[in-house]
Protein backbone atom coordinates (compact mmCIF):
# COMPACT_ATOMS: atom_id res chain seq x y z
CA UNK A 1 22.46 -18.83 47.89
CA UNK A 2 25.63 -20.76 48.42
CA UNK A 3 25.57 -24.50 47.81
CA UNK A 4 26.94 -26.94 50.32
CA UNK A 5 29.87 -27.67 48.07
CA UNK A 6 30.75 -24.00 47.79
CA UNK A 7 30.47 -23.60 51.57
CA UNK A 8 32.69 -26.54 52.10
CA UNK A 9 35.32 -25.16 49.75
CA UNK A 10 35.13 -21.80 51.46
CA UNK A 11 35.49 -23.43 54.87
CA UNK A 12 38.60 -25.23 53.79
CA UNK A 13 40.32 -21.94 53.01
CA UNK A 14 38.94 -19.70 55.74
CA UNK A 15 39.08 -21.89 58.86
CA UNK A 16 42.74 -21.59 59.79
CA UNK A 17 42.70 -22.39 63.53
CA UNK A 18 45.77 -24.53 64.47
CA UNK A 19 44.96 -28.27 64.39
CA UNK A 20 45.94 -28.65 68.02
CA UNK A 21 43.15 -26.26 69.00
CA UNK A 22 40.57 -27.72 66.61
CA UNK A 23 37.63 -29.86 67.59
CA UNK A 24 38.62 -33.60 67.26
CA UNK A 25 36.11 -34.86 64.75
CA UNK A 26 37.11 -38.43 65.47
CA UNK A 27 35.37 -38.27 68.80
CA UNK A 28 32.56 -40.85 68.80
CA UNK A 29 29.91 -38.32 69.82
CA UNK A 30 30.92 -36.00 66.95
CA UNK A 31 30.84 -38.86 64.45
CA UNK A 32 27.36 -39.81 65.70
CA UNK A 33 26.26 -36.21 65.41
CA UNK A 34 27.48 -35.90 61.81
CA UNK A 35 25.75 -39.15 60.82
CA UNK A 36 22.54 -37.87 62.40
CA UNK A 37 22.61 -34.65 60.37
CA UNK A 38 23.33 -36.58 57.20
CA UNK A 39 20.46 -38.95 57.89
CA UNK A 40 17.85 -36.45 59.17
CA UNK A 41 18.62 -33.34 57.19
CA UNK A 42 20.56 -34.54 54.11
CA UNK A 43 23.62 -32.46 54.86
CA UNK A 44 26.96 -33.45 53.34
CA UNK A 45 29.20 -35.40 55.68
CA UNK A 46 32.48 -33.98 54.24
CA UNK A 47 31.18 -30.42 54.59
CA UNK A 48 30.19 -31.01 58.24
CA UNK A 49 33.49 -32.58 59.07
CA UNK A 50 35.44 -29.68 57.46
CA UNK A 51 33.42 -27.12 59.35
CA UNK A 52 33.57 -28.92 62.70
CA UNK A 53 37.25 -29.67 62.24
CA UNK A 54 37.89 -25.97 61.93
CA UNK A 55 35.97 -25.12 65.09
CA UNK A 56 37.87 -24.49 68.29
CA UNK A 57 36.91 -25.22 71.84
CA UNK A 58 37.38 -22.09 73.88
CA UNK A 59 37.67 -21.95 77.66
CA UNK A 60 36.44 -18.38 77.72
CA UNK A 61 33.10 -19.54 76.38
CA UNK A 62 32.81 -22.15 79.11
CA UNK A 63 33.81 -19.54 81.74
CA UNK A 64 31.18 -17.12 80.48
CA UNK A 65 28.45 -19.84 80.68
CA UNK A 66 29.40 -20.34 84.29
CA UNK A 67 28.78 -16.73 85.34
CA UNK A 68 25.82 -15.13 83.49
CA UNK A 69 24.95 -11.70 84.93
CA UNK A 70 21.31 -12.78 85.54
CA UNK A 71 22.52 -15.40 88.07
CA UNK A 72 25.48 -13.64 89.63
CA UNK A 73 24.23 -10.07 90.25
CA UNK A 74 21.43 -8.70 92.36
CA UNK A 75 18.83 -6.43 90.64
CA UNK A 76 20.47 -3.21 91.87
CA UNK A 77 23.75 -4.14 90.16
CA UNK A 78 22.14 -5.79 87.10
CA UNK A 79 19.93 -2.68 86.49
CA UNK A 80 22.97 -0.41 86.70
CA UNK A 81 24.47 -2.15 83.69
CA UNK A 82 21.63 -1.16 81.39
CA UNK A 83 19.88 1.88 82.83
CA UNK A 84 22.65 4.39 82.21
CA UNK A 85 22.48 7.92 80.74
CA UNK A 86 24.84 6.73 77.93
CA UNK A 87 22.57 3.90 76.87
CA UNK A 88 19.42 5.97 77.19
CA UNK A 89 20.99 8.75 75.14
CA UNK A 90 22.08 6.27 72.47
CA UNK A 91 18.59 4.75 72.52
CA UNK A 92 16.96 8.11 72.00
CA UNK A 93 19.24 8.78 69.05
CA UNK A 94 18.43 5.30 67.60
CA UNK A 95 14.74 6.02 68.12
CA UNK A 96 14.95 9.25 66.16
CA UNK A 97 17.01 7.63 63.35
CA UNK A 98 14.66 4.69 63.08
CA UNK A 99 11.42 6.49 63.78
CA UNK A 100 9.75 5.62 60.56
CA UNK A 101 10.63 1.93 60.81
CA UNK A 102 9.67 1.81 64.51
CA UNK A 103 6.28 3.40 63.80
CA UNK A 104 5.53 1.06 60.94
CA UNK A 105 6.40 -2.06 62.81
CA UNK A 106 4.50 -0.92 65.92
CA UNK A 107 1.41 -0.05 63.78
CA UNK A 108 1.46 -3.37 62.02
CA UNK A 109 2.10 -5.61 65.00
CA UNK A 110 0.98 -3.76 68.13
CA UNK A 111 4.41 -4.08 69.70
CA UNK A 112 5.37 -0.54 70.83
CA UNK A 113 8.69 1.17 69.97
CA UNK A 114 9.62 1.02 73.67
CA UNK A 115 9.79 -2.73 73.58
CA UNK A 116 11.67 -2.87 70.28
CA UNK A 117 14.29 -0.36 71.46
CA UNK A 118 14.49 -1.93 74.90
CA UNK A 119 15.31 -5.35 73.40
CA UNK A 120 18.07 -4.16 71.01
CA UNK A 121 19.36 -1.72 73.65
CA UNK A 122 19.85 -4.45 76.31
CA UNK A 123 20.99 -7.10 73.88
CA UNK A 124 23.60 -5.23 71.76
CA UNK A 125 23.64 -1.52 72.57
CA UNK A 126 21.58 -0.88 69.40
CA UNK A 127 23.76 -3.19 67.29
CA UNK A 128 27.11 -1.86 68.38
CA UNK A 129 27.96 -4.84 70.59
CA UNK A 130 26.67 -7.90 68.78
CA UNK A 131 29.40 -10.34 69.87
CA UNK A 132 32.99 -11.24 69.20
CA UNK A 133 32.87 -15.07 69.10
CA UNK A 134 32.58 -17.13 65.94
CA UNK A 135 29.19 -18.73 66.10
CA UNK A 136 30.64 -21.99 64.99
CA UNK A 137 33.19 -21.97 67.86
CA UNK A 138 30.58 -20.96 70.44
CA UNK A 139 28.07 -23.62 69.55
CA UNK A 140 30.58 -26.40 68.92
CA UNK A 141 32.19 -25.73 72.25
CA UNK A 142 28.93 -25.86 74.08
CA UNK A 143 27.59 -28.74 72.03
CA UNK A 144 30.47 -31.06 72.80
CA UNK A 145 32.35 -29.73 75.83
CA UNK A 146 29.64 -28.35 78.06
CA UNK A 147 27.83 -31.45 79.43
CA UNK A 148 25.15 -29.58 81.45
CA UNK A 149 23.43 -28.35 78.32
CA UNK A 150 25.06 -30.30 75.50
CA UNK A 151 21.79 -31.58 74.12
CA UNK A 152 20.33 -28.10 73.83
CA UNK A 153 23.38 -26.67 72.12
CA UNK A 154 23.73 -29.55 69.71
CA UNK A 155 20.26 -28.72 68.61
CA UNK A 156 21.33 -25.07 68.09
CA UNK A 157 24.44 -26.15 66.25
CA UNK A 158 22.14 -28.13 63.92
CA UNK A 159 19.98 -25.04 63.43
CA UNK A 160 23.13 -23.08 62.49
CA UNK A 161 24.04 -25.58 59.83
CA UNK A 162 20.50 -25.37 58.47
CA UNK A 163 20.75 -21.58 58.39
CA UNK A 164 23.91 -21.97 56.26
CA UNK A 165 21.98 -24.24 53.86
CA UNK A 166 18.72 -22.36 53.75
CA UNK A 167 19.69 -18.73 54.25
CA UNK A 168 23.25 -18.67 52.87
CA UNK A 169 24.72 -17.59 56.25
CA UNK A 170 28.56 -17.84 56.18
CA UNK A 171 28.93 -19.64 59.48
CA UNK A 172 32.70 -19.85 59.00
CA UNK A 173 32.84 -16.07 59.55
CA UNK A 174 29.63 -15.01 61.38
CA UNK A 175 30.19 -13.62 64.86
CA UNK A 176 27.93 -13.62 67.89
CA UNK A 177 27.73 -14.15 71.58
CA UNK A 178 29.47 -16.82 73.67
CA UNK A 179 26.09 -18.62 73.75
CA UNK A 180 25.60 -18.62 69.98
CA UNK A 181 23.18 -15.65 69.71
CA UNK A 182 23.57 -13.40 66.66
CA UNK A 183 22.71 -10.13 65.05
CA UNK A 184 21.35 -6.93 66.69
CA UNK A 185 18.50 -8.82 68.40
CA UNK A 186 20.68 -11.73 69.44
CA UNK A 187 18.53 -14.58 68.16
CA UNK A 188 19.89 -18.02 68.72
CA UNK A 189 19.77 -20.18 65.54
CA UNK A 190 16.46 -21.82 66.28
CA UNK A 191 14.82 -18.44 66.96
CA UNK A 192 16.38 -17.10 63.73
CA UNK A 193 14.87 -19.92 61.78
CA UNK A 194 11.50 -19.82 63.56
CA UNK A 195 10.84 -16.17 64.19
CA UNK A 196 12.93 -13.94 61.84
CA UNK A 197 11.03 -12.27 59.11
CA UNK A 198 11.91 -10.37 55.91
CA UNK A 199 10.97 -6.84 56.97
CA UNK A 200 12.33 -5.01 53.92
CA UNK A 201 10.92 -7.42 51.31
CA UNK A 202 14.27 -8.23 49.62
CA UNK A 203 13.77 -12.00 49.95
CA UNK A 204 16.25 -12.42 52.80
CA UNK A 205 16.02 -12.48 56.61
CA UNK A 206 19.09 -10.55 57.58
CA UNK A 207 19.53 -9.91 61.30
CA UNK A 208 23.09 -8.61 60.83
CA UNK A 209 22.63 -5.72 58.42
CA UNK A 210 18.94 -4.86 57.91
CA UNK A 211 17.16 -2.84 60.63
CA UNK A 212 13.88 -3.47 58.81
CA UNK A 213 14.44 -7.26 59.32
CA UNK A 214 15.74 -6.80 62.81
CA UNK A 215 12.79 -4.73 64.14
CA UNK A 216 10.20 -6.73 62.36
CA UNK A 217 11.74 -9.97 63.71
CA UNK A 218 11.72 -8.78 67.25
CA UNK A 219 8.13 -7.73 66.94
CA UNK A 220 7.19 -11.02 65.37
CA UNK A 221 8.82 -12.89 68.24
CA UNK A 222 6.59 -11.00 70.65
CA UNK A 223 3.46 -11.52 68.48
CA UNK A 224 4.04 -15.23 68.21
CA UNK A 225 4.39 -15.38 72.03
CA UNK A 226 1.07 -13.63 72.34
CA UNK A 227 1.86 -9.96 73.11
CA UNK A 228 -1.27 -8.11 74.00
CA UNK A 229 -1.29 -4.60 72.43
CA UNK A 230 -2.21 -1.83 74.80
CA UNK A 231 -1.87 -3.89 77.99
CA UNK A 232 0.68 -2.96 80.71
CA UNK A 233 3.89 -4.77 81.38
CA UNK A 234 4.59 -4.29 85.10
CA UNK A 235 3.99 -1.82 87.96
CA UNK A 236 5.53 -1.16 91.34
CA UNK A 237 3.76 -2.62 94.34
CA UNK A 238 3.68 -2.52 98.16
CA UNK A 239 2.81 -5.23 100.64
CA UNK A 240 0.32 -4.95 103.46
CA UNK A 241 1.87 -7.91 105.15
CA UNK A 242 5.30 -9.61 104.93
CA UNK A 243 5.93 -12.19 102.21
CA UNK A 244 8.02 -15.33 102.44
CA UNK A 245 9.28 -14.55 98.92
CA UNK A 246 12.93 -13.63 98.82
CA UNK A 247 14.67 -11.41 96.24
CA UNK A 248 15.32 -13.52 93.13
CA UNK A 249 12.58 -16.02 93.96
CA UNK A 250 10.57 -15.02 90.98
CA UNK A 251 9.00 -17.92 89.21
CA UNK A 252 5.70 -16.41 87.86
CA UNK A 253 2.98 -18.64 89.33
CA UNK A 254 0.53 -20.01 86.75
CA UNK A 255 -3.02 -19.04 87.61
CA UNK A 256 -2.13 -16.02 89.69
CA UNK A 257 -4.42 -13.02 89.02
CA UNK A 258 -4.89 -9.40 89.87
CA UNK A 259 -7.58 -10.27 92.38
CA UNK A 260 -5.46 -13.08 93.83
CA UNK A 261 -2.53 -10.81 94.51
CA UNK A 262 -4.76 -8.16 96.09
CA UNK A 263 -6.32 -10.78 98.36
CA UNK A 264 -2.80 -11.59 99.55
CA UNK A 265 -2.19 -8.02 100.54
CA UNK A 266 -0.31 -6.78 97.43
CA UNK A 267 -1.21 -3.24 96.70
CA UNK A 268 -0.81 -1.89 93.18
CA UNK A 269 -2.63 0.10 90.52
CA UNK A 270 -3.87 -1.29 87.20
CA UNK A 271 -6.80 -0.91 84.82
CA UNK A 272 -6.77 -4.61 84.17
CA UNK A 273 -9.67 -6.70 85.39
CA UNK A 274 -9.60 -8.89 88.49
CA UNK A 275 -9.07 -12.11 86.48
CA UNK A 276 -6.12 -10.76 84.49
CA UNK A 277 -2.94 -12.77 84.93
CA UNK A 278 -0.46 -11.14 87.39
CA UNK A 279 2.50 -12.29 89.39
CA UNK A 280 4.60 -10.88 92.21
CA UNK A 281 8.31 -10.25 91.52
CA UNK A 282 10.66 -9.51 94.38
CA UNK A 283 14.06 -8.01 93.61
CA UNK A 284 16.93 -6.64 95.68
CA UNK A 285 16.99 -2.92 95.11
CA UNK A 286 19.26 -0.21 96.41
CA UNK A 287 17.09 0.48 99.41
CA UNK A 288 16.00 -3.13 100.10
CA UNK A 289 13.46 -5.41 98.46
CA UNK A 290 11.58 -4.02 95.46
CA UNK A 291 8.13 -5.40 94.75
CA UNK A 292 6.72 -5.48 91.25
CA UNK A 293 3.50 -6.89 89.81
CA UNK A 294 4.16 -8.49 86.43
CA UNK A 295 1.34 -8.87 83.95
CA UNK A 296 0.93 -11.05 80.86
CA UNK A 297 3.17 -8.89 78.65
CA UNK A 298 5.99 -9.16 81.18
CA UNK A 299 5.76 -12.95 80.79
CA UNK A 300 6.03 -12.49 77.06
CA UNK A 301 9.30 -10.62 77.48
CA UNK A 302 10.60 -13.59 79.54
CA UNK A 303 10.12 -15.85 76.52
CA UNK A 304 13.04 -13.91 74.99
CA UNK A 305 15.16 -14.43 78.09
CA UNK A 306 13.72 -16.27 81.10
CA UNK A 307 15.28 -13.95 83.67
CA UNK A 308 12.77 -11.68 85.40
CA UNK A 309 15.61 -9.13 85.90
CA UNK A 310 16.21 -9.12 82.09
CA UNK A 311 12.53 -8.54 81.43
CA UNK A 312 12.33 -5.68 83.86
CA UNK A 313 15.56 -4.07 82.47
CA UNK A 314 14.14 -4.24 78.92
CA UNK A 315 10.91 -2.70 80.09
CA UNK A 316 12.55 0.07 82.05
CA UNK A 317 15.13 0.89 79.41
CA UNK A 318 12.44 1.08 76.71
CA UNK A 319 10.33 3.42 78.88
CA UNK A 320 13.38 5.62 79.59
CA UNK A 321 14.30 5.72 75.90
CA UNK A 322 10.78 6.66 74.95
CA UNK A 323 10.69 9.50 77.45
CA UNK A 324 14.07 10.83 76.31
CA UNK A 325 13.31 10.53 72.61
CA UNK A 326 9.98 12.32 72.89
CA UNK A 327 11.57 15.06 74.90
CA UNK A 328 14.03 15.82 72.17
CA UNK A 329 17.86 16.17 72.26
CA UNK A 330 17.76 18.18 75.43
CA UNK A 331 15.25 16.02 77.21
CA UNK A 332 15.71 14.72 80.69
CA UNK A 333 18.04 11.74 81.25
CA UNK A 334 17.73 11.80 85.05
CA UNK A 335 15.29 8.83 84.63
CA UNK A 336 18.32 6.51 84.67
CA UNK A 337 18.51 6.91 88.42
CA UNK A 338 14.79 6.43 89.07
CA UNK A 339 13.67 3.30 90.83
């Protein structure tokens, strides 16, 4: 594992952004942040200043934060991004290539292959699109030049520095998303530190290069957030009477149950008991409002990303991949157009 001194020396030679574009480490809030990390975590001040001084604030990162797909697209357009024949075909190939790993992880954790493939399929197209921004630039930009969530991203920047110290992550070179997520499963630094596991037993937690670690870590994330093996995720529903819920108004109501929804005129099929948690999700589909009943495991998916559209896309993609993979190379891909 690299020492802080070695990391600082590496940073001095690898961070070559022009000074005019670099983060101004003399800013009072950055000085205060550095002092805090030195005091609370024992990190080296010179190392931190070198790393932060080599970070660049990027307008493209701020622009991307202002227009996430989950908030700018209706379900019918959002779904079309992920439920495509190309992605399903790639997912089926990934399933077949990783079948042994998927089966082992699913057997050990109770998280099915459909969920594991659905997550990495939506997040990074099975590792092929894991991000083009330097993590240091993304998190420094958002920590110091994005006031709406500066506190949150300063916390994630701290976690990134701790990953460098504890895991040997080269944060001067590591790439990820505009929001600082990394690797095939797109864990933010705090999730990496809290939920990543060593799936291949080599003593490292590597979400960039080890599919054993990636799949085991995604499953562990679900297990920690109380995934219930064998229970359903979501099902289509119809309404006996109109609802005042509008598409996109999808906060899952605490305490809502199967029996409660049925008493409100929501019609759906499930083997779960009347007291099982269940919530109504209303989305804008191609033919008008779509009604879904979301169960406990759907809520677990939203712990990965709080968007209900994201959770439904992961679920549907995973189901489509499973159908295609089990059908073989000539299996049906028309499922991409199914609503």
